């Protein structure tokens, strides 16, 4: 399967570029796409503290150093290039 080509990347809500998380929608050229959470590294610790747990898991999350558009696009492009886009497709999450 050929690697997907990224047509657009849209943040579901304005993101705090220094720290935080948000949903990300990635559209592929030719149709289709993925929606998943993108977060800074510190969010996992905050999620664990919020759940008062020593462990935390959920749907896949793309971790980045900051939520600025350039960093997120570079991470998404790397996901599209790696293993024919396997990870970008794997991170797909359907909205209910």
C-alpha atoms as a PDB file:
ATOM      1  CA  UNK A   1       0.000   0.000   0.000  1.00  0.00           C
ATOM      2  CA  UNK A   2       1.493   3.380  -0.956  1.00  0.00           C
ATOM      3  CA  UNK A   3       2.158   5.935   1.757  1.00  0.00           C
ATOM      4  CA  UNK A   4      -0.664   8.459   2.175  1.00  0.00           C
ATOM      5  CA  UNK A   5       0.031  12.029   1.126  1.00  0.00           C
ATOM      6  CA  UNK A   6      -1.129  14.578   3.672  1.00  0.00           C
ATOM      7  CA  UNK A   7      -3.466  17.194   2.190  1.00  0.00           C
ATOM      8  CA  UNK A   8      -4.297  19.106   5.388  1.00  0.00           C
ATOM      9  CA  UNK A   9      -3.878  19.096   9.142  1.00  0.00           C
ATOM     10  CA  UNK A  10      -6.508  20.774  11.308  1.00  0.00           C
ATOM     11  CA  UNK A  11      -6.530  21.294  15.070  1.00  0.00           C
ATOM     12  CA  UNK A  12      -9.999  20.618  16.511  1.00  0.00           C
ATOM     13  CA  UNK A  13      -9.570  23.585  18.853  1.00  0.00           C
ATOM     14  CA  UNK A  14      -6.942  26.278  19.250  1.00  0.00           C
ATOM     15  CA  UNK A  15      -3.963  24.649  20.907  1.00  0.00           C
ATOM     16  CA  UNK A  16      -1.685  26.010  23.618  1.00  0.00           C
ATOM     17  CA  UNK A  17       1.650  25.521  21.852  1.00  0.00           C
ATOM     18  CA  UNK A  18       3.712  25.203  25.036  1.00  0.00           C
ATOM     19  CA  UNK A  19       1.760  22.457  26.767  1.00  0.00           C
ATOM     20  CA  UNK A  20      -1.460  20.597  26.312  1.00  0.00           C
ATOM     21  CA  UNK A  21      -3.380  18.375  23.994  1.00  0.00           C
ATOM     22  CA  UNK A  22      -6.045  18.560  21.332  1.00  0.00           C
ATOM     23  CA  UNK A  23      -7.693  16.476  18.670  1.00  0.00           C
ATOM     24  CA  UNK A  24      -6.098  16.596  15.243  1.00  0.00           C
ATOM     25  CA  UNK A  25      -7.730  15.799  11.917  1.00  0.00           C
ATOM     26  CA  UNK A  26      -5.485  14.786   9.034  1.00  0.00           C
ATOM     27  CA  UNK A  27      -6.952  14.623   5.523  1.00  0.00           C
ATOM     28  CA  UNK A  28      -5.226  12.595   2.821  1.00  0.00           C
ATOM     29  CA  UNK A  29      -4.933  13.556  -0.828  1.00  0.00           C
ATOM     30  CA  UNK A  30      -7.451  11.480  -2.748  1.00  0.00           C
ATOM     31  CA  UNK A  31      -9.792  11.157   0.241  1.00  0.00           C
ATOM     32  CA  UNK A  32      -9.811   9.565   3.652  1.00  0.00           C
ATOM     33  CA  UNK A  33      -7.954  10.636   6.736  1.00  0.00           C
ATOM     34  CA  UNK A  34      -7.345  10.167  10.432  1.00  0.00           C
ATOM     35  CA  UNK A  35      -8.450  11.872  13.626  1.00  0.00           C
ATOM     36  CA  UNK A  36      -6.426  11.396  16.792  1.00  0.00           C
ATOM     37  CA  UNK A  37      -5.094  13.175  19.846  1.00  0.00           C
ATOM     38  CA  UNK A  38      -1.811  15.082  19.742  1.00  0.00           C
ATOM     39  CA  UNK A  39      -0.170  16.112  23.020  1.00  0.00           C
ATOM     40  CA  UNK A  40       2.993  17.424  24.604  1.00  0.00           C
ATOM     41  CA  UNK A  41       5.064  14.979  26.641  1.00  0.00           C
ATOM     42  CA  UNK A  42       3.929  16.346  30.011  1.00  0.00           C
ATOM     43  CA  UNK A  43       0.285  15.430  29.383  1.00  0.00           C
ATOM     44  CA  UNK A  44       0.730  11.730  30.211  1.00  0.00           C
ATOM     45  CA  UNK A  45       1.827  12.645  33.735  1.00  0.00           C
ATOM     46  CA  UNK A  46      -1.106  15.043  34.089  1.00  0.00           C
ATOM     47  CA  UNK A  47      -3.558  12.394  32.852  1.00  0.00           C
ATOM     48  CA  UNK A  48      -2.184   9.887  35.379  1.00  0.00           C
ATOM     49  CA  UNK A  49      -2.413  12.430  38.203  1.00  0.00           C
ATOM     50  CA  UNK A  50      -5.964  13.284  37.168  1.00  0.00           C
ATOM     51  CA  UNK A  51      -7.002   9.642  37.309  1.00  0.00           C
ATOM     52  CA  UNK A  52      -5.040   9.100  40.573  1.00  0.00           C
ATOM     53  CA  UNK A  53      -3.350   6.124  38.972  1.00  0.00           C
ATOM     54  CA  UNK A  54       0.219   4.883  38.554  1.00  0.00           C
ATOM     55  CA  UNK A  55      -0.626   3.859  34.990  1.00  0.00           C
ATOM     56  CA  UNK A  56      -2.548   5.395  32.127  1.00  0.00           C
ATOM     57  CA  UNK A  57      -3.690   4.178  28.723  1.00  0.00           C
ATOM     58  CA  UNK A  58      -6.083   5.280  26.024  1.00  0.00           C
ATOM     59  CA  UNK A  59      -6.365   5.481  22.297  1.00  0.00           C
ATOM     60  CA  UNK A  60      -3.062   6.239  20.547  1.00  0.00           C
ATOM     61  CA  UNK A  61      -1.605   9.696  21.082  1.00  0.00           C
ATOM     62  CA  UNK A  62       0.995  11.455  18.958  1.00  0.00           C
ATOM     63  CA  UNK A  63       3.442  13.072  21.392  1.00  0.00           C
ATOM     64  CA  UNK A  64       5.314  16.190  20.252  1.00  0.00           C
ATOM     65  CA  UNK A  65       7.620  18.680  21.943  1.00  0.00           C
ATOM     66  CA  UNK A  66       5.186  21.537  21.240  1.00  0.00           C
ATOM     67  CA  UNK A  67       1.831  21.960  19.533  1.00  0.00           C
ATOM     68  CA  UNK A  68       2.985  24.557  17.028  1.00  0.00           C
ATOM     69  CA  UNK A  69       1.852  23.814  13.455  1.00  0.00           C
ATOM     70  CA  UNK A  70       5.389  23.241  12.133  1.00  0.00           C
ATOM     71  CA  UNK A  71       6.260  20.610  14.756  1.00  0.00           C
ATOM     72  CA  UNK A  72       2.933  18.819  14.394  1.00  0.00           C
ATOM     73  CA  UNK A  73       3.145  18.803  10.584  1.00  0.00           C
ATOM     74  CA  UNK A  74       6.689  17.379  10.718  1.00  0.00           C
ATOM     75  CA  UNK A  75       5.513  14.605  13.062  1.00  0.00           C
ATOM     76  CA  UNK A  76       2.502  13.778  10.869  1.00  0.00           C
ATOM     77  CA  UNK A  77       4.653  13.766   7.722  1.00  0.00           C
ATOM     78  CA  UNK A  78       7.068  11.365   9.466  1.00  0.00           C
ATOM     79  CA  UNK A  79       4.135   9.107  10.364  1.00  0.00           C
ATOM     80  CA  UNK A  80       2.970   9.189   6.726  1.00  0.00           C
ATOM     81  CA  UNK A  81       6.435   8.254   5.456  1.00  0.00           C
ATOM     82  CA  UNK A  82       7.192   5.487   7.966  1.00  0.00           C
ATOM     83  CA  UNK A  83       6.218   1.950   6.918  1.00  0.00           C
ATOM     84  CA  UNK A  84       4.008   3.159   4.065  1.00  0.00           C
ATOM     85  CA  UNK A  85       1.925   5.306   6.420  1.00  0.00           C
ATOM     86  CA  UNK A  86       1.083   2.415   8.751  1.00  0.00           C
ATOM     87  CA  UNK A  87       1.188   4.516  11.937  1.00  0.00           C
ATOM     88  CA  UNK A  88      -0.836   7.352  10.482  1.00  0.00           C
ATOM     89  CA  UNK A  89      -3.543   4.893   9.452  1.00  0.00           C
ATOM     90  CA  UNK A  90      -3.267   3.003  12.769  1.00  0.00           C
ATOM     91  CA  UNK A  91      -3.867   6.187  14.771  1.00  0.00           C
ATOM     92  CA  UNK A  92      -7.221   6.633  13.039  1.00  0.00           C
ATOM     93  CA  UNK A  93     -10.021   7.159  15.555  1.00  0.00           C
ATOM     94  CA  UNK A  94     -13.668   7.306  14.618  1.00  0.00           C
ATOM     95  CA  UNK A  95     -15.783   9.943  16.229  1.00  0.00           C
ATOM     96  CA  UNK A  96     -18.965   8.752  17.887  1.00  0.00           C
END
